[in-house]
Amino acid sequence: MTDQIVKKIILEPSLDRCVETIARRRYWDLVDEYSRTILTKGILRDVEMKIEALRLFLEDLNIHEYRRKTEDLMGKGKKVFLVLELTREGLNVVIEHHESMTVS
């Protein structure tokens, strides 16, 4: 039986911004947004789940391995996406890549 995904976040690294930098920036943007809106909008479960998924990723001991793998793929000209899937059991991290399309 597969884990039911409760929140999915897609990060798109680039050669000048690694997955850790993108995740950290997104995390703090969401924390800031949540802290500014909680008094007016109340608890926002969707935002809380995104924050939790990003927190788990940033605390993952394998984060440097994800960074290395995504940078290797980008170095080979691939378009790379890191998919964070928050389930009731924890966080799944999937690296997806596609042939990069160049426009002349």
PDB file of N, CA and C in Angstrom:
ATOM      1  N   MET A   1       0.848  -1.188   0.000  1.00  0.00           N
ATOM      2  CA  MET A   1       0.000   0.000   0.000  1.00  0.00           C
ATOM      3  C   MET A   1       0.885   1.241   0.000  1.00  0.00           C
ATOM      4  N   THR A   2       0.607   2.180  -0.900  1.00  0.00           N
ATOM      5  CA  THR A   2       1.405   3.395  -0.984  1.00  0.00           C
ATOM      6  C   THR A   2       0.873   4.442  -0.024  1.00  0.00           C
ATOM      7  N   ASP A   3       1.786   5.309   0.408  1.00  0.00           N
ATOM      8  CA  ASP A   3       1.410   6.395   1.303  1.00  0.00           C
ATOM      9  C   ASP A   3       0.552   7.404   0.563  1.00  0.00           C
ATOM     10  N   GLN A   4      -0.466   7.899   1.233  1.00  0.00           N
ATOM     11  CA  GLN A   4      -1.323   8.922   0.640  1.00  0.00           C
ATOM     12  C   GLN A   4      -0.617  10.276   0.759  1.00  0.00           C
ATOM     13  N   ILE A   5      -0.459  10.956  -0.364  1.00  0.00           N
ATOM     14  CA  ILE A   5       0.195  12.266  -0.376  1.00  0.00           C
ATOM     15  C   ILE A   5      -0.802  13.307   0.118  1.00  0.00           C
ATOM     16  N   VAL A   6      -0.390  14.062   1.141  1.00  0.00           N
ATOM     17  CA  VAL A   6      -1.254  15.122   1.657  1.00  0.00           C
ATOM     18  C   VAL A   6      -0.816  16.501   1.170  1.00  0.00           C
ATOM     19  N   LYS A   7       0.442  16.636   0.739  1.00  0.00           N
ATOM     20  CA  LYS A   7       0.923  17.903   0.182  1.00  0.00           C
ATOM     21  C   LYS A   7       2.105  17.599  -0.720  1.00  0.00           C
ATOM     22  N   LYS A   8       2.141  18.271  -1.859  1.00  0.00           N
ATOM     23  CA  LYS A   8       3.215  18.078  -2.827  1.00  0.00           C
ATOM     24  C   LYS A   8       3.792  19.439  -3.179  1.00  0.00           C
ATOM     25  N   ILE A   9       5.114  19.543  -3.126  1.00  0.00           N
ATOM     26  CA  ILE A   9       5.807  20.780  -3.467  1.00  0.00           C
ATOM     27  C   ILE A   9       6.854  20.449  -4.522  1.00  0.00           C
ATOM     28  N   ILE A  10       6.926  21.259  -5.546  1.00  0.00           N
ATOM     29  CA  ILE A  10       7.904  21.050  -6.609  1.00  0.00           C
ATOM     30  C   ILE A  10       8.906  22.200  -6.572  1.00  0.00           C
ATOM     31  N   LEU A  11      10.182  21.833  -6.448  1.00  0.00           N
ATOM     32  CA  LEU A  11      11.264  22.813  -6.456  1.00  0.00           C
ATOM     33  C   LEU A  11      12.026  22.663  -7.765  1.00  0.00           C
ATOM     34  N   GLU A  12      12.344  23.778  -8.396  1.00  0.00           N
ATOM     35  CA  GLU A  12      13.093  23.744  -9.649  1.00  0.00           C
ATOM     36  C   GLU A  12      14.430  24.451  -9.457  1.00  0.00           C
ATOM     37  N   PRO A  13      15.482  23.674  -9.209  1.00  0.00           N
ATOM     38  CA  PRO A  13      16.795  24.294  -9.032  1.00  0.00           C
ATOM     39  C   PRO A  13      17.356  24.782 -10.359  1.00  0.00           C
ATOM     40  N   SER A  14      18.366  25.622 -10.261  1.00  0.00           N
ATOM     41  CA  SER A  14      19.078  26.090 -11.449  1.00  0.00           C
ATOM     42  C   SER A  14      20.559  26.048 -11.127  1.00  0.00           C
ATOM     43  N   LEU A  15      21.390  26.329 -12.103  1.00  0.00           N
ATOM     44  CA  LEU A  15      22.831  26.278 -11.873  1.00  0.00           C
ATOM     45  C   LEU A  15      23.288  27.335 -10.870  1.00  0.00           C
ATOM     46  N   ASP A  16      22.517  28.414 -10.720  1.00  0.00           N
ATOM     47  CA  ASP A  16      22.905  29.443  -9.752  1.00  0.00           C
ATOM     48  C   ASP A  16      22.108  29.393  -8.449  1.00  0.00           C
ATOM     49  N   ARG A  17      21.149  28.463  -8.336  1.00  0.00           N
ATOM     50  CA  ARG A  17      20.370  28.299  -7.097  1.00  0.00           C
ATOM     51  C   ARG A  17      20.118  26.812  -6.855  1.00  0.00           C
ATOM     52  N   CYS A  18      20.782  26.277  -5.834  1.00  0.00           N
ATOM     53  CA  CYS A  18      20.633  24.851  -5.533  1.00  0.00           C
ATOM     54  C   CYS A  18      19.300  24.587  -4.827  1.00  0.00           C
ATOM     55  N   VAL A  19      18.953  23.311  -4.716  1.00  0.00           N
ATOM     56  CA  VAL A  19      17.675  22.942  -4.103  1.00  0.00           C
ATOM     57  C   VAL A  19      17.595  23.391  -2.651  1.00  0.00           C
ATOM     58  N   GLU A  20      18.708  23.373  -1.943  1.00  0.00           N
ATOM     59  CA  GLU A  20      18.697  23.801  -0.542  1.00  0.00           C
ATOM     60  C   GLU A  20      18.392  25.290  -0.430  1.00  0.00           C
ATOM     61  N   THR A  21      19.003  26.107  -1.279  1.00  0.00           N
ATOM     62  CA  THR A  21      18.761  27.546  -1.267  1.00  0.00           C
ATOM     63  C   THR A  21      17.303  27.849  -1.606  1.00  0.00           C
ATOM     64  N   ILE A  22      16.778  27.183  -2.610  1.00  0.00           N
ATOM     65  CA  ILE A  22      15.390  27.402  -3.017  1.00  0.00           C
ATOM     66  C   ILE A  22      14.435  26.975  -1.904  1.00  0.00           C
ATOM     67  N   ALA A  23      14.695  25.814  -1.303  1.00  0.00           N
ATOM     68  CA  ALA A  23      13.832  25.317  -0.222  1.00  0.00           C
ATOM     69  C   ALA A  23      13.878  26.251   0.989  1.00  0.00           C
ATOM     70  N   ARG A  24      15.073  26.692   1.339  1.00  0.00           N
ATOM     71  CA  ARG A  24      15.214  27.586   2.499  1.00  0.00           C
ATOM     72  C   ARG A  24      14.480  28.908   2.260  1.00  0.00           C
ATOM     73  N   ARG A  25      14.625  29.466   1.068  1.00  0.00           N
ATOM     74  CA  ARG A  25      13.934  30.727   0.736  1.00  0.00           C
ATOM     75  C   ARG A  25      12.405  30.539   0.768  1.00  0.00           C
ATOM     76  N   ARG A  26      11.934  29.455   0.156  1.00  0.00           N
ATOM     77  CA  ARG A  26      10.489  29.188   0.147  1.00  0.00           C
ATOM     78  C   ARG A  26       9.976  28.986   1.572  1.00  0.00           C
ATOM     79  N   TYR A  27      10.738  28.251   2.383  1.00  0.00           N
ATOM     80  CA  TYR A  27      10.365  28.000   3.782  1.00  0.00           C
ATOM     81  C   TYR A  27      10.167  29.323   4.525  1.00  0.00           C
ATOM     82  N   TRP A  28      11.164  30.200   4.483  1.00  0.00           N
ATOM     83  CA  TRP A  28      11.077  31.458   5.228  1.00  0.00           C
ATOM     84  C   TRP A  28      10.023  32.396   4.658  1.00  0.00           C
ATOM     85  N   ASP A  29       9.801  32.372   3.348  1.00  0.00           N
ATOM     86  CA  ASP A  29       8.713  33.164   2.757  1.00  0.00           C
ATOM     87  C   ASP A  29       7.361  32.702   3.301  1.00  0.00           C
ATOM     88  N   LEU A  30       7.183  31.375   3.394  1.00  0.00           N
ATOM     89  CA  LEU A  30       5.921  30.837   3.903  1.00  0.00           C
ATOM     90  C   LEU A  30       5.747  31.119   5.395  1.00  0.00           C
ATOM     91  N   VAL A  31       6.816  30.994   6.174  1.00  0.00           N
ATOM     92  CA  VAL A  31       6.744  31.308   7.608  1.00  0.00           C
ATOM     93  C   VAL A  31       6.364  32.773   7.795  1.00  0.00           C
ATOM     94  N   ASP A  32       6.968  33.643   7.012  1.00  0.00           N
ATOM     95  CA  ASP A  32       6.658  35.071   7.094  1.00  0.00           C
ATOM     96  C   ASP A  32       5.202  35.334   6.716  1.00  0.00           C
ATOM     97  N   GLU A  33       4.760  34.741   5.599  1.00  0.00           N
ATOM     98  CA  GLU A  33       3.366  34.901   5.163  1.00  0.00           C
ATOM     99  C   GLU A  33       2.403  34.401   6.229  1.00  0.00           C
ATOM    100  N   TYR A  34       2.700  33.242   6.788  1.00  0.00           N
ATOM    101  CA  TYR A  34       1.818  32.635   7.793  1.00  0.00           C
ATOM    102  C   TYR A  34       1.738  33.509   9.041  1.00  0.00           C
ATOM    103  N   SER A  35       2.888  34.011   9.490  1.00  0.00           N
ATOM    104  CA  SER A  35       2.886  34.828  10.706  1.00  0.00           C
ATOM    105  C   SER A  35       2.152  36.152  10.498  1.00  0.00           C
ATOM    106  N   ARG A  36       2.166  36.677   9.264  1.00  0.00           N
ATOM    107  CA  ARG A  36       1.448  37.925   8.983  1.00  0.00           C
ATOM    108  C   ARG A  36      -0.057  37.718   8.850  1.00  0.00           C
ATOM    109  N   THR A  37      -0.487  36.530   8.444  1.00  0.00           N
ATOM    110  CA  THR A  37      -1.909  36.322   8.157  1.00  0.00           C
ATOM    111  C   THR A  37      -2.662  35.507   9.203  1.00  0.00           C
ATOM    112  N   ILE A  38      -1.963  34.903  10.149  1.00  0.00           N
ATOM    113  CA  ILE A  38      -2.654  34.023  11.094  1.00  0.00           C
ATOM    114  C   ILE A  38      -3.707  34.759  11.923  1.00  0.00           C
ATOM    115  N   LEU A  39      -3.441  36.017  12.284  1.00  0.00           N
ATOM    116  CA  LEU A  39      -4.410  36.761  13.086  1.00  0.00           C
ATOM    117  C   LEU A  39      -5.653  37.129  12.293  1.00  0.00           C
ATOM    118  N   THR A  40      -5.521  37.353  10.994  1.00  0.00           N
ATOM    119  CA  THR A  40      -6.679  37.756  10.195  1.00  0.00           C
ATOM    120  C   THR A  40      -7.379  36.575   9.535  1.00  0.00           C
ATOM    121  N   LYS A  41      -6.611  35.556   9.134  1.00  0.00           N
ATOM    122  CA  LYS A  41      -7.200  34.426   8.415  1.00  0.00           C
ATOM    123  C   LYS A  41      -7.300  33.158   9.250  1.00  0.00           C
ATOM    124  N   GLY A  42      -6.668  33.152  10.411  1.00  0.00           N
ATOM    125  CA  GLY A  42      -6.680  31.956  11.250  1.00  0.00           C
ATOM    126  C   GLY A  42      -5.684  30.928  10.754  1.00  0.00           C
ATOM    127  N   ILE A  43      -5.832  29.729  11.248  1.00  0.00           N
ATOM    128  CA  ILE A  43      -4.920  28.635  10.900  1.00  0.00           C
ATOM    129  C   ILE A  43      -5.147  28.222   9.453  1.00  0.00           C
ATOM    130  N   LEU A  44      -4.065  28.194   8.687  1.00  0.00           N
ATOM    131  CA  LEU A  44      -4.116  27.810   7.279  1.00  0.00           C
ATOM    132  C   LEU A  44      -3.394  26.474   7.132  1.00  0.00           C
ATOM    133  N   ARG A  45      -4.147  25.389   7.133  1.00  0.00           N
ATOM    134  CA  ARG A  45      -3.558  24.041   7.099  1.00  0.00           C
ATOM    135  C   ARG A  45      -2.693  23.838   5.857  1.00  0.00           C
ATOM    136  N   ASP A  46      -3.099  24.392   4.719  1.00  0.00           N
ATOM    137  CA  ASP A  46      -2.329  24.225   3.497  1.00  0.00           C
ATOM    138  C   ASP A  46      -0.923  24.807   3.654  1.00  0.00           C
ATOM    139  N   VAL A  47      -0.846  26.003   4.211  1.00  0.00           N
ATOM    140  CA  VAL A  47       0.444  26.656   4.419  1.00  0.00           C
ATOM    141  C   VAL A  47       1.245  25.900   5.482  1.00  0.00           C
ATOM    142  N   GLU A  48       0.586  25.444   6.536  1.00  0.00           N
ATOM    143  CA  GLU A  48       1.271  24.670   7.569  1.00  0.00           C
ATOM    144  C   GLU A  48       1.901  23.405   6.992  1.00  0.00           C
ATOM    145  N   MET A  49       1.188  22.721   6.097  1.00  0.00           N
ATOM    146  CA  MET A  49       1.722  21.491   5.503  1.00  0.00           C
ATOM    147  C   MET A  49       2.916  21.789   4.600  1.00  0.00           C
ATOM    148  N   LYS A  50       2.867  22.899   3.857  1.00  0.00           N
ATOM    149  CA  LYS A  50       4.008  23.286   3.025  1.00  0.00           C
ATOM    150  C   LYS A  50       5.225  23.585   3.897  1.00  0.00           C
ATOM    151  N   ILE A  51       5.010  24.328   4.978  1.00  0.00           N
ATOM    152  CA  ILE A  51       6.094  24.649   5.904  1.00  0.00           C
ATOM    153  C   ILE A  51       6.685  23.365   6.479  1.00  0.00           C
ATOM    154  N   GLU A  52       5.835  22.440   6.878  1.00  0.00           N
ATOM    155  CA  GLU A  52       6.294  21.175   7.459  1.00  0.00           C
ATOM    156  C   GLU A  52       7.104  20.361   6.448  1.00  0.00           C
ATOM    157  N   ALA A  53       6.644  20.286   5.200  1.00  0.00           N
ATOM    158  CA  ALA A  53       7.369  19.528   4.173  1.00  0.00           C
ATOM    159  C   ALA A  53       8.747  20.142   3.938  1.00  0.00           C
ATOM    160  N   LEU A  54       8.800  21.447   3.842  1.00  0.00           N
ATOM    161  CA  LEU A  54      10.082  22.118   3.626  1.00  0.00           C
ATOM    162  C   LEU A  54      10.999  21.970   4.837  1.00  0.00           C
ATOM    163  N   ARG A  55      10.442  22.043   6.038  1.00  0.00           N
ATOM    164  CA  ARG A  55      11.250  21.865   7.255  1.00  0.00           C
ATOM    165  C   ARG A  55      11.872  20.477   7.283  1.00  0.00           C
ATOM    166  N   LEU A  56      11.060  19.460   6.991  1.00  0.00           N
ATOM    167  CA  LEU A  56      11.572  18.089   6.981  1.00  0.00           C
ATOM    168  C   LEU A  56      12.680  17.929   5.937  1.00  0.00           C
ATOM    169  N   PHE A  57      12.503  18.534   4.778  1.00  0.00           N
ATOM    170  CA  PHE A  57      13.526  18.453   3.734  1.00  0.00           C
ATOM    171  C   PHE A  57      14.813  19.133   4.190  1.00  0.00           C
ATOM    172  N   LEU A  58      14.699  20.334   4.754  1.00  0.00           N
ATOM    173  CA  LEU A  58      15.887  21.067   5.177  1.00  0.00           C
ATOM    174  C   LEU A  58      16.634  20.378   6.315  1.00  0.00           C
ATOM    175  N   GLU A  59      15.928  19.558   7.105  1.00  0.00           N
ATOM    176  CA  GLU A  59      16.559  18.816   8.196  1.00  0.00           C
ATOM    177  C   GLU A  59      17.046  17.433   7.760  1.00  0.00           C
ATOM    178  N   ASP A  60      16.740  17.039   6.537  1.00  0.00           N
ATOM    179  CA  ASP A  60      17.112  15.717   6.023  1.00  0.00           C
ATOM    180  C   ASP A  60      18.639  15.594   5.937  1.00  0.00           C
ATOM    181  N   LEU A  61      19.173  14.525   6.476  1.00  0.00           N
ATOM    182  CA  LEU A  61      20.621  14.309   6.442  1.00  0.00           C
ATOM    183  C   LEU A  61      21.142  14.074   5.030  1.00  0.00           C
ATOM    184  N   ASN A  62      20.266  13.737   4.092  1.00  0.00           N
ATOM    185  CA  ASN A  62      20.660  13.477   2.708  1.00  0.00           C
ATOM    186  C   ASN A  62      20.565  14.710   1.816  1.00  0.00           C
ATOM    187  N   ILE A  63      20.331  15.872   2.393  1.00  0.00           N
ATOM    188  CA  ILE A  63      20.100  17.070   1.578  1.00  0.00           C
ATOM    189  C   ILE A  63      21.281  17.362   0.644  1.00  0.00           C
ATOM    190  N   HIS A  64      22.483  17.102   1.111  1.00  0.00           N
ATOM    191  CA  HIS A  64      23.651  17.367   0.257  1.00  0.00           C
ATOM    192  C   HIS A  64      23.730  16.379  -0.898  1.00  0.00           C
ATOM    193  N   GLU A  65      23.228  15.181  -0.687  1.00  0.00           N
ATOM    194  CA  GLU A  65      23.177  14.187  -1.772  1.00  0.00           C
ATOM    195  C   GLU A  65      22.151  14.608  -2.831  1.00  0.00           C
ATOM    196  N   TYR A  66      21.005  15.136  -2.405  1.00  0.00           N
ATOM    197  CA  TYR A  66      20.006  15.648  -3.358  1.00  0.00           C
ATOM    198  C   TYR A  66      20.605  16.799  -4.162  1.00  0.00           C
ATOM    199  N   ARG A  67      21.324  17.656  -3.477  1.00  0.00           N
ATOM    200  CA  ARG A  67      21.958  18.792  -4.160  1.00  0.00           C
ATOM    201  C   ARG A  67      22.954  18.290  -5.201  1.00  0.00           C
ATOM    202  N   ARG A  68      23.797  17.343  -4.808  1.00  0.00           N
ATOM    203  CA  ARG A  68      24.799  16.811  -5.733  1.00  0.00           C
ATOM    204  C   ARG A  68      24.151  16.173  -6.946  1.00  0.00           C
ATOM    205  N   LYS A  69      23.111  15.368  -6.714  1.00  0.00           N
ATOM    206  CA  LYS A  69      22.435  14.678  -7.823  1.00  0.00           C
ATOM    207  C   LYS A  69      21.771  15.670  -8.775  1.00  0.00           C
ATOM    208  N   THR A  70      21.104  16.681  -8.223  1.00  0.00           N
ATOM    209  CA  THR A  70      20.429  17.648  -9.094  1.00  0.00           C
ATOM    210  C   THR A  70      21.452  18.464  -9.878  1.00  0.00           C
ATOM    211  N   GLU A  71      22.552  18.839  -9.237  1.00  0.00           N
ATOM    212  CA  GLU A  71      23.583  19.610  -9.939  1.00  0.00           C
ATOM    213  C   GLU A  71      24.253  18.773 -11.026  1.00  0.00           C
ATOM    214  N   ASP A  72      24.474  17.480 -10.756  1.00  0.00           N
ATOM    215  CA  ASP A  72      25.041  16.592 -11.783  1.00  0.00           C
ATOM    216  C   ASP A  72      24.127  16.524 -13.005  1.00  0.00           C
ATOM    217  N   LEU A  73      22.832  16.358 -12.769  1.00  0.00           N
ATOM    218  CA  LEU A  73      21.870  16.272 -13.873  1.00  0.00           C
ATOM    219  C   LEU A  73      21.800  17.583 -14.656  1.00  0.00           C
ATOM    220  N   MET A  74      21.792  18.700 -13.942  1.00  0.00           N
ATOM    221  CA  MET A  74      21.762  19.997 -14.628  1.00  0.00           C
ATOM    222  C   MET A  74      23.036  20.211 -15.435  1.00  0.00           C
ATOM    223  N   GLY A  75      24.157  19.738 -14.911  1.00  0.00           N
ATOM    224  CA  GLY A  75      25.420  19.843 -15.629  1.00  0.00           C
ATOM    225  C   GLY A  75      25.419  19.058 -16.931  1.00  0.00           C
ATOM    226  N   LYS A  76      24.545  18.053 -17.017  1.00  0.00           N
ATOM    227  CA  LYS A  76      24.399  17.250 -18.234  1.00  0.00           C
ATOM    228  C   LYS A  76      23.318  17.818 -19.155  1.00  0.00           C
ATOM    229  N   GLY A  77      22.816  19.023 -18.806  1.00  0.00           N
ATOM    230  CA  GLY A  77      21.827  19.687 -19.650  1.00  0.00           C
ATOM    231  C   GLY A  77      20.390  19.285 -19.387  1.00  0.00           C
ATOM    232  N   LYS A  78      20.139  18.606 -18.290  1.00  0.00           N
ATOM    233  CA  LYS A  78      18.769  18.172 -17.965  1.00  0.00           C
ATOM    234  C   LYS A  78      18.016  19.275 -17.220  1.00  0.00           C
ATOM    235  N   LYS A  79      16.717  19.302 -17.410  1.00  0.00           N
ATOM    236  CA  LYS A  79      15.835  20.165 -16.621  1.00  0.00           C
ATOM    237  C   LYS A  79      15.421  19.328 -15.412  1.00  0.00           C
ATOM    238  N   VAL A  80      15.673  19.828 -14.213  1.00  0.00           N
ATOM    239  CA  VAL A  80      15.519  19.036 -12.998  1.00  0.00           C
ATOM    240  C   VAL A  80      14.449  19.630 -12.086  1.00  0.00           C
ATOM    241  N   PHE A  81      13.669  18.737 -11.488  1.00  0.00           N
ATOM    242  CA  PHE A  81      12.673  19.110 -10.492  1.00  0.00           C
ATOM    243  C   PHE A  81      12.863  18.208  -9.282  1.00  0.00           C
ATOM    244  N   LEU A  82      12.809  18.782  -8.099  1.00  0.00           N
ATOM    245  CA  LEU A  82      12.841  18.012  -6.870  1.00  0.00           C
ATOM    246  C   LEU A  82      11.432  18.066  -6.298  1.00  0.00           C
ATOM    247  N   VAL A  83      10.814  16.910  -6.148  1.00  0.00           N
ATOM    248  CA  VAL A  83       9.424  16.837  -5.700  1.00  0.00           C
ATOM    249  C   VAL A  83       9.396  16.373  -4.254  1.00  0.00           C
ATOM    250  N   LEU A  84       8.791  17.194  -3.395  1.00  0.00           N
ATOM    251  CA  LEU A  84       8.608  16.845  -1.992  1.00  0.00           C
ATOM    252  C   LEU A  84       7.173  16.390  -1.813  1.00  0.00           C
ATOM    253  N   GLU A  85       7.005  15.160  -1.358  1.00  0.00           N
ATOM    254  CA  GLU A  85       5.671  14.601  -1.142  1.00  0.00           C
ATOM    255  C   GLU A  85       5.496  14.324   0.353  1.00  0.00           C
ATOM    256  N   LEU A  86       4.690  15.148   1.005  1.00  0.00           N
ATOM    257  CA  LEU A  86       4.406  14.963   2.423  1.00  0.00           C
ATOM    258  C   LEU A  86       3.262  13.965   2.556  1.00  0.00           C
ATOM    259  N   THR A  87       3.512  12.887   3.284  1.00  0.00           N
ATOM    260  CA  THR A  87       2.486  11.880   3.539  1.00  0.00           C
ATOM    261  C   THR A  87       2.240  11.828   5.043  1.00  0.00           C
ATOM    262  N   ARG A  88       1.287  11.043   5.435  1.00  0.00           N
ATOM    263  CA  ARG A  88       1.017  10.883   6.867  1.00  0.00           C
ATOM    264  C   ARG A  88       2.192  10.195   7.571  1.00  0.00           C
ATOM    265  N   GLU A  89       2.986   9.457   6.821  1.00  0.00           N
ATOM    266  CA  GLU A  89       4.127   8.729   7.385  1.00  0.00           C
ATOM    267  C   GLU A  89       5.426   9.526   7.346  1.00  0.00           C
ATOM    268  N   GLY A  90       5.484  10.613   6.610  1.00  0.00           N
ATOM    269  CA  GLY A  90       6.714  11.391   6.526  1.00  0.00           C
ATOM    270  C   GLY A  90       6.870  12.058   5.177  1.00  0.00           C
ATOM    271  N   LEU A  91       8.115  12.246   4.776  1.00  0.00           N
ATOM    272  CA  LEU A  91       8.420  12.972   3.545  1.00  0.00           C
ATOM    273  C   LEU A  91       9.105  12.053   2.551  1.00  0.00           C
ATOM    274  N   ASN A  92       8.619  12.052   1.321  1.00  0.00           N
ATOM    275  CA  ASN A  92       9.274  11.367   0.210  1.00  0.00           C
ATOM    276  C   ASN A  92       9.894  12.445  -0.675  1.00  0.00           C
ATOM    277  N   VAL A  93      11.120  12.201  -1.127  1.00  0.00           N
ATOM    278  CA  VAL A  93      11.807  13.138  -2.007  1.00  0.00           C
ATOM    279  C   VAL A  93      12.091  12.411  -3.316  1.00  0.00           C
ATOM    280  N   VAL A  94      11.642  13.004  -4.422  1.00  0.00           N
ATOM    281  CA  VAL A  94      11.804  12.405  -5.739  1.00  0.00           C
ATOM    282  C   VAL A  94      12.502  13.413  -6.647  1.00  0.00           C
ATOM    283  N   ILE A  95      13.533  12.964  -7.343  1.00  0.00           N
ATOM    284  CA  ILE A  95      14.203  13.825  -8.323  1.00  0.00           C
ATOM    285  C   ILE A  95      13.696  13.424  -9.702  1.00  0.00           C
ATOM    286  N   GLU A  96      13.074  14.369 -10.397  1.00  0.00           N
ATOM    287  CA  GLU A  96      12.608  14.145 -11.763  1.00  0.00           C
ATOM    288  C   GLU A  96      13.479  14.970 -12.699  1.00  0.00           C
ATOM    289  N   HIS A  97      13.744  14.427 -13.876  1.00  0.00           N
ATOM    290  CA  HIS A  97      14.526  15.183 -14.841  1.00  0.00           C
ATOM    291  C   HIS A  97      14.053  14.876 -16.250  1.00  0.00           C
ATOM    292  N   HIS A  98      14.204  15.871 -17.092  1.00  0.00           N
ATOM    293  CA  HIS A  98      13.774  15.793 -18.490  1.00  0.00           C
ATOM    294  C   HIS A  98      14.865  16.395 -19.349  1.00  0.00           C
ATOM    295  N   GLU A  99      14.863  16.024 -20.599  1.00  0.00           N
ATOM    296  CA  GLU A  99      15.799  16.643 -21.545  1.00  0.00           C
ATOM    297  C   GLU A  99      15.487  18.123 -21.609  1.00  0.00           C
ATOM    298  N   SER A 100      16.498  18.940 -21.523  1.00  0.00           N
ATOM    299  CA  SER A 100      16.318  20.377 -21.603  1.00  0.00           C
ATOM    300  C   SER A 100      16.045  20.770 -23.045  1.00  0.00           C
ATOM    301  N   MET A 101      15.116  21.650 -23.227  1.00  0.00           N
ATOM    302  CA  MET A 101      14.784  22.133 -24.563  1.00  0.00           C
ATOM    303  C   MET A 101      15.446  23.486 -24.760  1.00  0.00           C
ATOM    304  N   THR A 102      16.206  23.620 -25.825  1.00  0.00           N
ATOM    305  CA  THR A 102      16.826  24.895 -26.109  1.00  0.00           C
ATOM    306  C   THR A 102      16.114  25.554 -27.277  1.00  0.00           C
ATOM    307  N   VAL A 103      15.987  26.841 -27.204  1.00  0.00           N
ATOM    308  CA  VAL A 103      15.335  27.602 -28.265  1.00  0.00           C
ATOM    309  C   VAL A 103      16.412  28.402 -28.979  1.00  0.00           C
ATOM    310  N   SER A 104      16.457  28.298 -30.313  1.00  0.00           N
ATOM    311  CA  SER A 104      17.491  29.043 -31.041  1.00  0.00           C
ATOM    312  C   SER A 104      16.928  30.297 -31.666  1.00  0.00           C
TER     313      SER A 104
END
